[in-house]
Amino acid sequence: MTAIAVVLIQASGSTLLQAQESPDLATVMRKVGIYTNWFVNRFSNVVSEEEYEQRFSVASRRRQLTSDFLLVAYPGRTEALMTFRDIREVDGKPVGDQKDRITRLFLEPFENAVRRAQEIHRDGLRHSVDTGRVMDPLTVIGYLQPAYQANFRVSRGGMARNLGPYIREITLTPLEGRRDSQGRVMVAGKTLLKPARAWVAEDTGAVVKTELRSGFGARAETTTTTFGMDPTLQMPVPLEMRDEVPRGRDDFIGIAKYSKFRRFVVRSEAQVDVPATNP
C-alpha cells in the first residue's frame, strides 16, 4: 500500500511538473504578446549594419549589399512601426554620398522624414541582384504582437530543446480569406499575410527564431530569422536572416547578418538624439 502511494505521489508530481513546463497555448501567446510589445518598444529607433549576401545555387551571379537597417516607431505610437533599409555599398563600392542619411532624416518633421526614408528604401531595392529579392527580418515579430495575433489561427508544435530550455514551436496560419497562388491571404486584392512559424520560450514568451513561408512542400519559399543577445543594447536582436527561394535547378539564397547596433531617439518635436561615438 505504501509503495502504491509513493508511485501515485511521484506520478502526481511528474504531472504537475509537466503542467508547469507546458502552459496552455493561450497563456503562451499572452506571454509572447507581452514580449513582442516589449521588443518593438526597445528595438524601435535602433540602427544596425546589415551585410546582405545574395547568391544562387548554380549561377555565378552574386551580390553583397551593406546597409543601415532600422525599425522606427512613430513618436507616442509604438504600434505604428516601419522598417527602413538604406543601401550604402554594393559589392564594396559606395552608392550614396551621405553617412547615416536615414538617421539624419529624422531631424525633419516625422511625416516628411518617413516619406523620404520610404523613397530611399524603395530606391535601394534596385541594387538587389537580378531576379533576387530583399526581405524583412522582423515581419513575424509583427505578426506576434497582441494587436495582430487575432489575424491567425495559432497551433502548438513540439519542443525545440536544441534552441534552449522550454522552447516551443508555434504555427501561425492566416485566417481564411481570398488567397493568391502561393497561399498568402489577400485583402482588397493585396497580399498581406503569409503562414509563419515561431520558436518561443514558454516561460517568458521570448522569441528566439521565426520563419515566414510562401508556397507549399519542398518548393516553399522560407525566410528564417534567428535572434540573440547584443551586449551593447543588453537585449535580444536579430542576428541572421536566411532567405531561400527554390527555383528549379538554380535556387536563390539570401543571407543577412546584423551588427553594430546603435540607438537614436525620435522626439515628437522632431529632434534626434544620437549617442556620441566612443573615442
Protein backbone atom coordinates (compact mmCIF):
# COMPACT_ATOMS: atom_id res chain seq x y z
CA MET A 1 0.00 0.00 0.00
CA THR A 2 2.86 2.37 0.85
CA ALA A 3 4.61 1.57 -2.42
CA ILE A 4 1.41 2.34 -4.36
CA ALA A 5 1.06 5.66 -2.52
CA VAL A 6 4.65 6.58 -3.35
CA VAL A 7 4.08 5.79 -7.02
CA LEU A 8 0.90 7.89 -7.05
CA ILE A 9 2.70 10.81 -5.40
CA GLN A 10 5.58 10.56 -7.86
CA ALA A 11 3.17 10.41 -10.80
CA SER A 12 1.24 13.38 -9.46
CA GLY A 13 4.45 15.36 -9.01
CA SER A 14 5.54 14.48 -12.54
CA THR A 15 2.18 15.58 -13.94
CA LEU A 16 2.41 18.87 -12.04
CA LEU A 17 5.92 19.48 -13.37
CA GLN A 18 4.79 18.81 -16.93
CA ALA A 19 1.88 21.19 -16.47
CA GLN A 20 4.27 23.87 -15.21
CA GLU A 21 6.64 23.32 -18.12
CA SER A 22 3.88 23.33 -20.74
CA PRO A 23 1.28 26.03 -20.06
CA ASP A 24 -1.80 26.17 -22.27
CA LEU A 25 -1.50 27.87 -25.64
CA ALA A 26 -3.47 30.95 -24.61
CA THR A 27 -1.03 31.57 -21.76
CA VAL A 28 1.95 31.11 -24.05
CA MET A 29 0.56 33.55 -26.61
CA ARG A 30 -0.22 36.10 -23.91
CA LYS A 31 3.42 35.95 -22.80
CA VAL A 32 4.58 36.16 -26.43
CA GLY A 33 2.41 39.23 -26.92
CA ILE A 34 3.88 40.94 -23.86
CA TYR A 35 7.39 40.06 -25.04
CA THR A 36 6.92 41.27 -28.62
CA ASN A 37 5.45 44.57 -27.44
CA TRP A 38 8.47 44.97 -25.17
CA PHE A 39 10.80 44.02 -28.03
CA VAL A 40 9.44 46.50 -30.57
CA ASN A 41 9.41 49.25 -27.94
CA ARG A 42 13.07 48.59 -27.08
CA PHE A 43 14.28 47.88 -30.62
CA SER A 44 12.49 50.77 -32.31
CA ASN A 45 14.83 53.58 -33.36
CA VAL A 46 17.82 51.23 -33.31
CA VAL A 47 20.11 51.27 -36.34
CA SER A 48 22.17 48.24 -37.29
CA GLU A 49 24.63 47.46 -40.04
CA GLU A 50 23.25 44.81 -42.37
CA GLU A 51 25.57 42.70 -44.52
CA TYR A 52 23.32 41.03 -47.09
CA GLU A 53 24.78 38.34 -49.36
CA GLN A 54 22.67 37.36 -52.38
CA ARG A 55 23.62 34.36 -54.49
CA PHE A 56 22.32 31.40 -56.47
CA SER A 57 22.95 27.70 -56.01
CA VAL A 58 24.25 27.23 -59.59
CA ALA A 59 24.70 30.55 -61.39
CA SER A 60 27.76 32.63 -60.55
CA ARG A 61 25.72 35.80 -60.07
CA ARG A 62 26.03 37.20 -56.56
CA ARG A 63 25.85 40.50 -54.74
CA GLN A 64 26.96 41.89 -51.40
CA LEU A 65 24.86 44.74 -50.00
CA THR A 66 25.90 46.81 -46.98
CA SER A 67 23.06 48.84 -45.47
CA ASP A 68 21.79 50.73 -42.47
CA PHE A 69 18.70 48.86 -41.27
CA LEU A 70 16.36 50.30 -38.69
CA LEU A 71 12.95 49.96 -37.09
CA VAL A 72 11.23 53.28 -36.45
CA ALA A 73 8.29 53.97 -34.15
CA TYR A 74 6.04 56.98 -34.56
CA PRO A 75 6.55 59.25 -31.53
CA GLY A 76 3.96 58.31 -28.93
CA ARG A 77 2.59 55.43 -31.03
CA THR A 78 4.69 52.31 -30.56
CA GLU A 79 2.23 50.21 -32.57
CA ALA A 80 2.96 52.30 -35.69
CA LEU A 81 6.23 50.70 -36.78
CA MET A 82 8.17 50.85 -40.03
CA THR A 83 11.40 49.21 -41.17
CA PHE A 84 13.82 51.02 -43.46
CA ARG A 85 16.92 49.92 -45.32
CA ASP A 86 19.47 52.36 -46.74
CA ILE A 87 21.89 50.52 -49.02
CA ARG A 88 25.28 52.22 -48.69
CA GLU A 89 27.57 49.84 -50.55
CA VAL A 90 27.17 47.34 -53.37
CA ASP A 91 29.98 44.80 -53.69
CA GLY A 92 32.18 47.04 -51.55
CA LYS A 93 31.60 50.20 -53.59
CA PRO A 94 29.76 53.21 -52.05
CA VAL A 95 26.44 54.13 -53.65
CA GLY A 96 25.48 57.16 -51.52
CA ASP A 97 27.09 60.44 -50.62
CA GLN A 98 25.94 60.70 -47.01
CA LYS A 99 26.66 58.67 -43.92
CA ASP A 100 23.69 57.72 -41.74
CA ARG A 101 21.36 59.63 -44.04
CA ILE A 102 18.17 57.89 -42.85
CA THR A 103 19.01 58.66 -39.22
CA ARG A 104 19.65 62.28 -40.11
CA LEU A 105 16.31 62.44 -41.89
CA PHE A 106 14.50 62.31 -38.58
CA LEU A 107 15.77 65.77 -37.76
CA GLU A 108 12.93 66.78 -40.11
CA PRO A 109 9.23 66.67 -39.19
CA PHE A 110 8.39 63.00 -38.75
CA GLU A 111 5.92 62.66 -41.65
CA ASN A 112 8.41 64.22 -44.08
CA ALA A 113 11.19 62.00 -42.78
CA VAL A 114 9.08 58.85 -43.21
CA ARG A 115 8.16 59.77 -46.77
CA ARG A 116 11.78 60.42 -47.72
CA ALA A 117 13.02 57.29 -45.89
CA GLN A 118 10.50 55.21 -47.83
CA GLU A 119 11.84 56.70 -51.06
CA ILE A 120 15.39 55.81 -50.05
CA HIS A 121 14.25 52.30 -49.10
CA ARG A 122 12.46 51.73 -52.42
CA ASP A 123 15.31 53.21 -54.43
CA GLY A 124 17.77 50.90 -52.72
CA LEU A 125 15.90 47.82 -53.89
CA ARG A 126 17.19 48.40 -57.42
CA HIS A 127 20.61 47.32 -56.16
CA SER A 128 19.35 43.80 -55.48
CA VAL A 129 20.80 41.11 -57.72
CA ASP A 130 18.73 40.44 -60.82
CA THR A 131 15.82 38.02 -60.05
CA GLY A 132 16.76 38.12 -56.37
CA ARG A 133 14.81 39.74 -53.54
CA VAL A 134 15.33 41.63 -50.28
CA MET A 135 13.33 40.59 -47.20
CA ASP A 136 12.47 41.95 -43.74
CA PRO A 137 13.80 40.05 -40.69
CA LEU A 138 11.07 41.36 -38.35
CA THR A 139 7.84 40.51 -40.20
CA VAL A 140 6.89 37.62 -37.92
CA ILE A 141 7.64 39.67 -34.81
CA GLY A 142 4.89 41.98 -36.03
CA TYR A 143 2.52 39.05 -36.50
CA LEU A 144 3.09 38.03 -32.87
CA GLN A 145 2.11 41.36 -31.35
CA PRO A 146 -1.22 41.22 -29.47
CA ALA A 147 -2.86 43.63 -31.92
CA TYR A 148 -2.26 41.21 -34.80
CA GLN A 149 -2.47 37.74 -33.25
CA ALA A 150 -6.21 37.62 -33.93
CA ASN A 151 -5.48 37.52 -37.67
CA PHE A 152 -4.10 33.99 -37.33
CA ARG A 153 -5.08 30.53 -36.23
CA VAL A 154 -2.35 29.56 -33.78
CA SER A 155 -1.34 25.96 -33.13
CA ARG A 156 1.32 24.44 -30.94
CA GLY A 157 4.08 22.19 -32.24
CA GLY A 158 6.78 20.23 -30.47
CA MET A 159 9.56 21.32 -28.17
CA ALA A 160 12.83 22.50 -29.76
CA ARG A 161 15.33 21.85 -26.99
CA ASN A 162 18.22 22.37 -29.42
CA LEU A 163 17.29 26.07 -29.29
CA GLY A 164 17.19 26.24 -25.49
CA PRO A 165 15.14 25.15 -22.48
CA TYR A 166 11.35 25.33 -22.80
CA ILE A 167 11.47 26.47 -26.44
CA ARG A 168 8.20 25.59 -28.19
CA GLU A 169 7.36 25.79 -31.90
CA ILE A 170 4.13 27.59 -32.73
CA THR A 171 2.47 27.88 -36.14
CA LEU A 172 0.57 30.92 -37.40
CA THR A 173 -1.96 30.26 -40.16
CA PRO A 174 -3.70 33.35 -41.63
CA LEU A 175 -7.45 33.22 -41.15
CA GLU A 176 -9.44 32.13 -44.16
CA GLY A 177 -9.96 34.61 -46.95
CA ARG A 178 -9.06 35.08 -50.56
CA ARG A 179 -5.58 33.74 -51.27
CA ASP A 180 -3.01 34.22 -54.00
CA SER A 181 -1.31 31.38 -55.91
CA GLN A 182 1.16 30.78 -53.07
CA GLY A 183 -1.37 30.56 -50.28
CA ARG A 184 -0.95 34.11 -48.92
CA VAL A 185 -4.09 35.78 -47.60
CA MET A 186 -5.31 38.71 -49.68
CA VAL A 187 -7.45 41.67 -48.66
CA ALA A 188 -8.82 44.10 -51.27
CA GLY A 189 -6.69 42.36 -53.88
CA LYS A 190 -3.42 42.89 -51.96
CA THR A 191 -1.28 40.19 -50.38
CA LEU A 192 -0.98 40.87 -46.65
CA LEU A 193 -0.33 37.82 -44.54
CA LYS A 194 1.76 34.70 -45.00
CA PRO A 195 1.90 31.49 -42.96
CA ALA A 196 4.63 31.61 -40.36
CA ARG A 197 6.28 29.73 -37.52
CA ALA A 198 7.99 30.97 -34.39
CA TRP A 199 10.06 29.31 -31.70
CA VAL A 200 9.30 30.85 -28.33
CA ALA A 201 10.19 30.32 -24.68
CA GLU A 202 7.11 29.03 -22.90
CA ASP A 203 8.18 30.52 -19.58
CA THR A 204 8.97 34.07 -20.77
CA GLY A 205 7.44 34.44 -24.23
CA ALA A 206 10.84 35.35 -25.72
CA VAL A 207 11.12 34.75 -29.46
CA VAL A 208 14.37 33.06 -30.47
CA LYS A 209 13.63 32.19 -34.11
CA THR A 210 10.99 32.96 -36.75
CA GLU A 211 10.12 31.62 -40.19
CA LEU A 212 7.98 33.23 -42.89
CA ARG A 213 6.69 30.86 -45.58
CA SER A 214 5.12 31.12 -49.02
CA GLY A 215 4.07 28.15 -51.11
CA PHE A 216 3.84 24.51 -50.19
CA GLY A 217 6.03 21.47 -49.64
CA ALA A 218 9.60 21.29 -50.87
CA ARG A 219 9.10 24.28 -53.18
CA ALA A 220 8.09 26.63 -50.38
CA GLU A 221 9.93 29.93 -50.04
CA THR A 222 11.18 30.48 -46.49
CA THR A 223 12.70 33.42 -44.63
CA THR A 224 14.21 32.45 -41.28
CA THR A 225 15.47 34.90 -38.66
CA THR A 226 17.44 33.95 -35.55
CA PHE A 227 17.79 36.20 -32.51
CA GLY A 228 20.45 36.55 -29.83
CA MET A 229 21.66 38.91 -27.12
CA ASP A 230 23.52 42.09 -28.07
CA PRO A 231 25.94 43.15 -25.30
CA THR A 232 25.70 46.86 -26.13
CA LEU A 233 21.92 47.19 -26.11
CA GLN A 234 21.54 44.46 -23.48
CA MET A 235 18.58 42.95 -25.33
CA PRO A 236 17.86 40.28 -27.95
CA VAL A 237 18.34 41.43 -31.54
CA PRO A 238 18.12 39.83 -34.99
CA LEU A 239 21.47 38.22 -35.71
CA GLU A 240 20.90 36.50 -39.03
CA MET A 241 18.20 36.17 -41.66
CA ARG A 242 18.30 33.36 -44.23
CA ASP A 243 16.04 33.60 -47.28
CA GLU A 244 15.63 30.55 -49.54
CA VAL A 245 13.66 30.60 -52.79
CA PRO A 246 13.53 27.29 -54.70
CA ARG A 247 13.69 27.91 -58.45
CA GLY A 248 14.10 24.58 -60.13
CA ARG A 249 17.77 23.99 -60.75
CA ASP A 250 19.02 27.37 -59.57
CA ASP A 251 17.72 28.34 -56.13
CA PHE A 252 18.08 31.87 -54.77
CA ILE A 253 19.71 32.26 -51.35
CA GLY A 254 19.95 35.47 -49.35
CA ILE A 255 21.84 35.67 -46.05
CA ALA A 256 21.78 38.86 -43.99
CA LYS A 257 23.82 39.39 -40.82
CA TYR A 258 23.30 42.23 -38.36
CA SER A 259 25.85 44.00 -36.16
CA LYS A 260 26.98 47.42 -34.82
CA PHE A 261 23.63 48.17 -33.18
CA ARG A 262 23.17 51.77 -32.04
CA ARG A 263 20.17 53.70 -30.79
CA PHE A 264 18.76 57.09 -31.67
CA VAL A 265 15.67 58.78 -30.26
CA VAL A 266 12.95 60.35 -32.36
CA ARG A 267 11.12 63.04 -30.39
CA SER A 268 7.66 64.37 -31.14
CA GLU A 269 9.19 67.81 -31.69
CA ALA A 270 11.31 66.21 -34.45
CA GLN A 271 14.63 66.15 -32.63
CA VAL A 272 17.02 63.23 -32.80
CA ASP A 273 19.39 62.21 -30.04
CA VAL A 274 22.30 60.11 -31.30
CA PRO A 275 24.78 58.72 -28.75
CA ALA A 276 28.28 60.07 -29.10
CA THR A 277 30.81 57.71 -30.61
CA ASN A 278 33.33 56.41 -28.09
CA PRO A 279 36.88 57.52 -28.88
